[in-house]
Amino acid sequence: MKTLQYLNKTKFFILAITAITFSSCSNDDNPVNEEEVITTVTATLTNGVNVITLSSRDLDGDGPNAPVITVSGNLSANTTYSGTVSFLNETADPIDNITTEILEEGVDHQLFFQAPSALGTFTYNDTDANGKPIGLQFSLLTGNAGSGNLTITLRHLPNKSASGVTGGDITNAGGATDAQVTYPIIIN
């Protein structure tokens, strides 16, 4: 009986030491890739000297304050605009430009532009290492006069080979949403 109690105490001791050892070890060889904080999304639409800036700033992240959305002006009907999108973390000091990381990891990211077809047609003007779209650079051919919402979504690890995804259809993209902003658009 004393042998059995000794074995049980020994097993407990070994398990306790093992648990403490494993919980106190850190694995510095595999650093955690933390999700980037995105506070500001800016889309810039340019046609000659006509520049329209769409901006969303959410400096408290998931805090109680809603993002501040601004649109600097109206778009012209039946006009082609060159577009760019940038992403910042303005809570970092200095401000962190997330756009560079999105470009470097292009195969893992894609932007989607969702708007009523009457507002216009979007075309991707940049590609990743596999020839698939990223969306940091794009073109917009506006439709006739009208209004509606433009939603810009940044997806991480989308399935770029899924049906419609390379054409900008988010339906089958999957992946995780890193940022999503909706801007009110008016076309004159």
C-alpha atoms as a PDB file:
ATOM      1  CA  MET A   1       0.000   0.000   0.000  1.00  0.00           C
ATOM      2  CA  LYS A   2       2.867   2.389   0.837  1.00  0.00           C
ATOM      3  CA  THR A   3       4.402   1.627  -2.569  1.00  0.00           C
ATOM      4  CA  LEU A   4       1.137   2.606  -4.326  1.00  0.00           C
ATOM      5  CA  GLN A   5       0.911   5.897  -2.357  1.00  0.00           C
ATOM      6  CA  TYR A   6       4.561   6.589  -3.172  1.00  0.00           C
ATOM      7  CA  LEU A   7       3.933   5.972  -6.889  1.00  0.00           C
ATOM      8  CA  ASN A   8       0.837   8.231  -6.863  1.00  0.00           C
ATOM      9  CA  LYS A   9       2.780  11.015  -5.126  1.00  0.00           C
ATOM     10  CA  THR A  10       5.658  10.546  -7.560  1.00  0.00           C
ATOM     11  CA  LYS A  11       3.305  10.698 -10.579  1.00  0.00           C
ATOM     12  CA  PHE A  12       1.661  13.840  -9.178  1.00  0.00           C
ATOM     13  CA  PHE A  13       5.063  15.441  -8.585  1.00  0.00           C
ATOM     14  CA  ILE A  14       6.251  14.618 -12.128  1.00  0.00           C
ATOM     15  CA  LEU A  15       3.015  15.926 -13.685  1.00  0.00           C
ATOM     16  CA  ALA A  16       3.195  19.126 -11.631  1.00  0.00           C
ATOM     17  CA  ILE A  17       6.818  19.791 -12.617  1.00  0.00           C
ATOM     18  CA  THR A  18       5.997  19.040 -16.270  1.00  0.00           C
ATOM     19  CA  ALA A  19       3.020  21.436 -16.244  1.00  0.00           C
ATOM     20  CA  ILE A  20       5.069  24.210 -14.654  1.00  0.00           C
ATOM     21  CA  THR A  21       7.920  23.669 -17.114  1.00  0.00           C
ATOM     22  CA  PHE A  22       5.716  23.794 -20.199  1.00  0.00           C
ATOM     23  CA  SER A  23       3.669  26.771 -19.029  1.00  0.00           C
ATOM     24  CA  SER A  24       6.733  28.828 -18.191  1.00  0.00           C
ATOM     25  CA  CYS A  25       8.548  28.205 -21.480  1.00  0.00           C
ATOM     26  CA  SER A  26       8.201  30.648 -24.303  1.00  0.00           C
ATOM     27  CA  ASN A  27       8.796  29.819 -27.898  1.00  0.00           C
ATOM     28  CA  ASP A  28      10.740  32.787 -29.207  1.00  0.00           C
ATOM     29  CA  ASP A  29      11.484  30.907 -32.433  1.00  0.00           C
ATOM     30  CA  ASN A  30       7.852  31.319 -33.539  1.00  0.00           C
ATOM     31  CA  PRO A  31       6.803  34.923 -32.895  1.00  0.00           C
ATOM     32  CA  VAL A  32       3.072  35.616 -32.985  1.00  0.00           C
ATOM     33  CA  ASN A  33       1.970  37.525 -36.080  1.00  0.00           C
ATOM     34  CA  GLU A  34      -0.440  39.938 -34.431  1.00  0.00           C
ATOM     35  CA  GLU A  35      -3.216  41.497 -36.457  1.00  0.00           C
ATOM     36  CA  GLU A  36      -2.460  45.050 -37.531  1.00  0.00           C
ATOM     37  CA  VAL A  37      -4.518  47.900 -36.120  1.00  0.00           C
ATOM     38  CA  ILE A  38      -6.120  49.949 -38.894  1.00  0.00           C
ATOM     39  CA  THR A  39      -7.533  53.286 -37.766  1.00  0.00           C
ATOM     40  CA  THR A  40      -7.672  55.183 -41.058  1.00  0.00           C
ATOM     41  CA  VAL A  41      -8.748  54.167 -44.551  1.00  0.00           C
ATOM     42  CA  THR A  42      -8.365  56.731 -47.330  1.00  0.00           C
ATOM     43  CA  ALA A  43      -9.430  56.298 -50.945  1.00  0.00           C
ATOM     44  CA  THR A  44      -8.250  58.955 -53.385  1.00  0.00           C
ATOM     45  CA  LEU A  45      -9.976  59.327 -56.776  1.00  0.00           C
ATOM     46  CA  THR A  46      -8.190  61.463 -59.366  1.00  0.00           C
ATOM     47  CA  ASN A  47      -9.281  62.710 -62.785  1.00  0.00           C
ATOM     48  CA  GLY A  48      -6.809  65.325 -64.025  1.00  0.00           C
ATOM     49  CA  VAL A  49      -6.830  68.111 -61.449  1.00  0.00           C
ATOM     50  CA  ASN A  50     -10.090  66.870 -59.923  1.00  0.00           C
ATOM     51  CA  VAL A  51      -9.179  64.949 -56.718  1.00  0.00           C
ATOM     52  CA  ILE A  52     -11.852  63.451 -54.455  1.00  0.00           C
ATOM     53  CA  THR A  53     -10.770  62.039 -51.084  1.00  0.00           C
ATOM     54  CA  LEU A  54     -12.846  59.517 -49.161  1.00  0.00           C
ATOM     55  CA  SER A  55     -11.641  59.100 -45.587  1.00  0.00           C
ATOM     56  CA  SER A  56     -12.598  57.084 -42.536  1.00  0.00           C
ATOM     57  CA  ARG A  57     -10.846  57.705 -39.197  1.00  0.00           C
ATOM     58  CA  ASP A  58     -11.610  55.604 -36.140  1.00  0.00           C
ATOM     59  CA  LEU A  59      -8.950  56.512 -33.591  1.00  0.00           C
ATOM     60  CA  ASP A  60     -10.595  54.605 -30.728  1.00  0.00           C
ATOM     61  CA  GLY A  61     -10.905  51.359 -32.732  1.00  0.00           C
ATOM     62  CA  ASP A  62     -13.711  49.284 -31.246  1.00  0.00           C
ATOM     63  CA  GLY A  63     -14.369  52.005 -28.685  1.00  0.00           C
ATOM     64  CA  PRO A  64     -17.633  53.878 -28.251  1.00  0.00           C
ATOM     65  CA  ASN A  65     -16.997  56.560 -30.897  1.00  0.00           C
ATOM     66  CA  ALA A  66     -18.130  55.925 -34.451  1.00  0.00           C
ATOM     67  CA  PRO A  67     -15.622  56.437 -37.279  1.00  0.00           C
ATOM     68  CA  VAL A  68     -15.504  59.914 -38.808  1.00  0.00           C
ATOM     69  CA  ILE A  69     -16.369  59.516 -42.511  1.00  0.00           C
ATOM     70  CA  THR A  70     -15.624  62.360 -44.928  1.00  0.00           C
ATOM     71  CA  VAL A  71     -16.009  62.722 -48.687  1.00  0.00           C
ATOM     72  CA  SER A  72     -14.357  65.828 -50.138  1.00  0.00           C
ATOM     73  CA  GLY A  73     -16.738  66.285 -53.069  1.00  0.00           C
ATOM     74  CA  ASN A  74     -19.005  64.803 -55.689  1.00  0.00           C
ATOM     75  CA  LEU A  75     -17.878  62.670 -58.615  1.00  0.00           C
ATOM     76  CA  SER A  76     -18.573  63.585 -62.236  1.00  0.00           C
ATOM     77  CA  ALA A  77     -20.875  61.368 -64.293  1.00  0.00           C
ATOM     78  CA  ASN A  78     -19.423  59.084 -66.988  1.00  0.00           C
ATOM     79  CA  THR A  79     -15.852  59.862 -65.956  1.00  0.00           C
ATOM     80  CA  THR A  80     -12.830  57.635 -65.363  1.00  0.00           C
ATOM     81  CA  TYR A  81     -10.990  58.127 -62.081  1.00  0.00           C
ATOM     82  CA  SER A  82      -7.654  56.627 -61.072  1.00  0.00           C
ATOM     83  CA  GLY A  83      -7.920  55.376 -57.511  1.00  0.00           C
ATOM     84  CA  THR A  84      -5.656  54.451 -54.647  1.00  0.00           C
ATOM     85  CA  VAL A  85      -6.435  53.174 -51.158  1.00  0.00           C
ATOM     86  CA  SER A  86      -4.202  53.596 -48.114  1.00  0.00           C
ATOM     87  CA  PHE A  87      -4.385  52.161 -44.608  1.00  0.00           C
ATOM     88  CA  LEU A  88      -2.835  53.711 -41.482  1.00  0.00           C
ATOM     89  CA  ASN A  89      -2.523  52.985 -37.785  1.00  0.00           C
ATOM     90  CA  GLU A  90      -2.605  56.484 -36.320  1.00  0.00           C
ATOM     91  CA  THR A  91      -2.418  55.200 -32.737  1.00  0.00           C
ATOM     92  CA  ALA A  92       1.246  54.228 -33.294  1.00  0.00           C
ATOM     93  CA  ASP A  93       4.063  56.713 -32.824  1.00  0.00           C
ATOM     94  CA  PRO A  94       5.257  57.241 -35.459  1.00  0.00           C
ATOM     95  CA  ILE A  95       2.145  56.569 -37.540  1.00  0.00           C
ATOM     96  CA  ASP A  96       2.313  53.098 -39.105  1.00  0.00           C
ATOM     97  CA  ASN A  97       1.561  52.857 -42.846  1.00  0.00           C
ATOM     98  CA  ILE A  98      -0.155  49.457 -43.160  1.00  0.00           C
ATOM     99  CA  THR A  99      -0.437  49.925 -46.954  1.00  0.00           C
ATOM    100  CA  THR A 100       3.193  48.873 -47.393  1.00  0.00           C
ATOM    101  CA  GLU A 101       2.579  45.585 -45.574  1.00  0.00           C
ATOM    102  CA  ILE A 102      -0.563  44.893 -47.626  1.00  0.00           C
ATOM    103  CA  LEU A 103       1.424  45.397 -50.830  1.00  0.00           C
ATOM    104  CA  GLU A 104       4.323  43.210 -49.615  1.00  0.00           C
ATOM    105  CA  GLU A 105       1.853  40.471 -48.611  1.00  0.00           C
ATOM    106  CA  GLY A 106      -0.291  40.952 -51.717  1.00  0.00           C
ATOM    107  CA  VAL A 107      -1.004  37.237 -52.183  1.00  0.00           C
ATOM    108  CA  ASP A 108      -2.677  37.315 -48.732  1.00  0.00           C
ATOM    109  CA  HIS A 109      -4.839  40.420 -49.325  1.00  0.00           C
ATOM    110  CA  GLN A 110      -7.492  41.749 -51.676  1.00  0.00           C
ATOM    111  CA  LEU A 111      -9.698  44.825 -51.613  1.00  0.00           C
ATOM    112  CA  PHE A 112     -13.307  44.633 -52.763  1.00  0.00           C
ATOM    113  CA  PHE A 113     -15.353  47.578 -54.022  1.00  0.00           C
ATOM    114  CA  GLN A 114     -19.094  47.130 -53.534  1.00  0.00           C
ATOM    115  CA  ALA A 115     -21.481  49.694 -54.977  1.00  0.00           C
ATOM    116  CA  PRO A 116     -24.692  49.693 -56.975  1.00  0.00           C
ATOM    117  CA  SER A 117     -23.831  49.118 -60.657  1.00  0.00           C
ATOM    118  CA  ALA A 118     -25.430  52.491 -61.487  1.00  0.00           C
ATOM    119  CA  LEU A 119     -22.586  54.204 -59.581  1.00  0.00           C
ATOM    120  CA  GLY A 120     -19.928  52.738 -61.833  1.00  0.00           C
ATOM    121  CA  THR A 121     -17.495  49.975 -62.674  1.00  0.00           C
ATOM    122  CA  PHE A 122     -14.287  49.190 -60.791  1.00  0.00           C
ATOM    123  CA  THR A 123     -11.154  47.705 -62.389  1.00  0.00           C
ATOM    124  CA  TYR A 124      -8.096  46.444 -60.512  1.00  0.00           C
ATOM    125  CA  ASN A 125      -4.814  48.069 -61.596  1.00  0.00           C
ATOM    126  CA  ASP A 126      -2.363  46.094 -59.437  1.00  0.00           C
ATOM    127  CA  THR A 127      -1.577  42.425 -58.949  1.00  0.00           C
ATOM    128  CA  ASP A 128       0.198  40.156 -56.489  1.00  0.00           C
ATOM    129  CA  ALA A 129       3.115  37.798 -57.251  1.00  0.00           C
ATOM    130  CA  ASN A 130       0.615  35.288 -58.710  1.00  0.00           C
ATOM    131  CA  GLY A 131      -1.001  37.795 -61.078  1.00  0.00           C
ATOM    132  CA  LYS A 132      -4.163  38.076 -58.911  1.00  0.00           C
ATOM    133  CA  PRO A 133      -5.644  41.475 -57.945  1.00  0.00           C
ATOM    134  CA  ILE A 134      -4.799  43.383 -54.774  1.00  0.00           C
ATOM    135  CA  GLY A 135      -6.835  46.596 -55.195  1.00  0.00           C
ATOM    136  CA  LEU A 136      -4.599  49.276 -53.706  1.00  0.00           C
ATOM    137  CA  GLN A 137      -4.661  50.798 -57.199  1.00  0.00           C
ATOM    138  CA  PHE A 138      -7.826  50.754 -59.282  1.00  0.00           C
ATOM    139  CA  SER A 139      -9.930  52.611 -61.830  1.00  0.00           C
ATOM    140  CA  LEU A 140     -13.513  53.732 -61.469  1.00  0.00           C
ATOM    141  CA  LEU A 141     -15.681  54.536 -64.478  1.00  0.00           C
ATOM    142  CA  THR A 142     -18.643  56.369 -62.981  1.00  0.00           C
ATOM    143  CA  GLY A 143     -22.187  55.916 -64.186  1.00  0.00           C
ATOM    144  CA  ASN A 144     -24.865  58.527 -64.747  1.00  0.00           C
ATOM    145  CA  ALA A 145     -25.889  61.053 -62.092  1.00  0.00           C
ATOM    146  CA  GLY A 146     -27.124  59.464 -58.891  1.00  0.00           C
ATOM    147  CA  SER A 147     -26.154  58.535 -55.380  1.00  0.00           C
ATOM    148  CA  GLY A 148     -25.446  55.465 -53.280  1.00  0.00           C
ATOM    149  CA  ASN A 149     -22.912  53.863 -50.994  1.00  0.00           C
ATOM    150  CA  LEU A 150     -19.466  52.557 -51.836  1.00  0.00           C
ATOM    151  CA  THR A 151     -18.158  49.899 -49.449  1.00  0.00           C
ATOM    152  CA  ILE A 152     -14.443  49.138 -49.499  1.00  0.00           C
ATOM    153  CA  THR A 153     -13.479  45.868 -47.806  1.00  0.00           C
ATOM    154  CA  LEU A 154      -9.961  44.589 -47.164  1.00  0.00           C
ATOM    155  CA  ARG A 155      -9.859  40.800 -46.864  1.00  0.00           C
ATOM    156  CA  HIS A 156      -6.968  38.813 -45.397  1.00  0.00           C
ATOM    157  CA  LEU A 157      -6.359  35.354 -46.898  1.00  0.00           C
ATOM    158  CA  PRO A 158      -9.199  35.441 -49.428  1.00  0.00           C
ATOM    159  CA  ASN A 159      -9.546  32.537 -51.843  1.00  0.00           C
ATOM    160  CA  LYS A 160      -8.485  34.426 -54.961  1.00  0.00           C
ATOM    161  CA  SER A 161      -9.105  31.328 -57.102  1.00  0.00           C
ATOM    162  CA  ALA A 162     -12.794  31.104 -56.103  1.00  0.00           C
ATOM    163  CA  SER A 163     -15.456  31.931 -58.644  1.00  0.00           C
ATOM    164  CA  GLY A 164     -15.737  35.681 -59.347  1.00  0.00           C
ATOM    165  CA  VAL A 165     -13.146  36.806 -56.774  1.00  0.00           C
ATOM    166  CA  THR A 166     -10.531  38.065 -59.252  1.00  0.00           C
ATOM    167  CA  GLY A 167     -13.308  40.105 -60.870  1.00  0.00           C
ATOM    168  CA  GLY A 168     -14.086  41.786 -57.550  1.00  0.00           C
ATOM    169  CA  ASP A 169     -17.026  39.673 -56.330  1.00  0.00           C
ATOM    170  CA  ILE A 170     -16.644  39.207 -52.566  1.00  0.00           C
ATOM    171  CA  THR A 171     -19.319  36.471 -52.357  1.00  0.00           C
ATOM    172  CA  ASN A 172     -16.938  33.479 -52.555  1.00  0.00           C
ATOM    173  CA  ALA A 173     -13.808  35.202 -51.228  1.00  0.00           C
ATOM    174  CA  GLY A 174     -13.809  33.838 -47.695  1.00  0.00           C
ATOM    175  CA  GLY A 175     -10.928  34.992 -45.522  1.00  0.00           C
ATOM    176  CA  ALA A 176     -11.136  37.500 -42.685  1.00  0.00           C
ATOM    177  CA  THR A 177     -12.169  41.140 -42.957  1.00  0.00           C
ATOM    178  CA  ASP A 178      -9.299  43.399 -41.854  1.00  0.00           C
ATOM    179  CA  ALA A 179     -11.167  46.638 -42.585  1.00  0.00           C
ATOM    180  CA  GLN A 180     -14.518  47.668 -44.041  1.00  0.00           C
ATOM    181  CA  VAL A 181     -15.708  51.206 -44.671  1.00  0.00           C
ATOM    182  CA  THR A 182     -18.843  52.582 -46.348  1.00  0.00           C
ATOM    183  CA  TYR A 183     -18.743  55.998 -48.023  1.00  0.00           C
ATOM    184  CA  PRO A 184     -21.749  57.965 -49.318  1.00  0.00           C
ATOM    185  CA  ILE A 185     -21.201  58.846 -52.981  1.00  0.00           C
ATOM    186  CA  ILE A 186     -22.936  61.478 -55.126  1.00  0.00           C
ATOM    187  CA  ILE A 187     -22.431  61.604 -58.895  1.00  0.00           C
ATOM    188  CA  ASN A 188     -23.374  64.825 -60.758  1.00  0.00           C
END
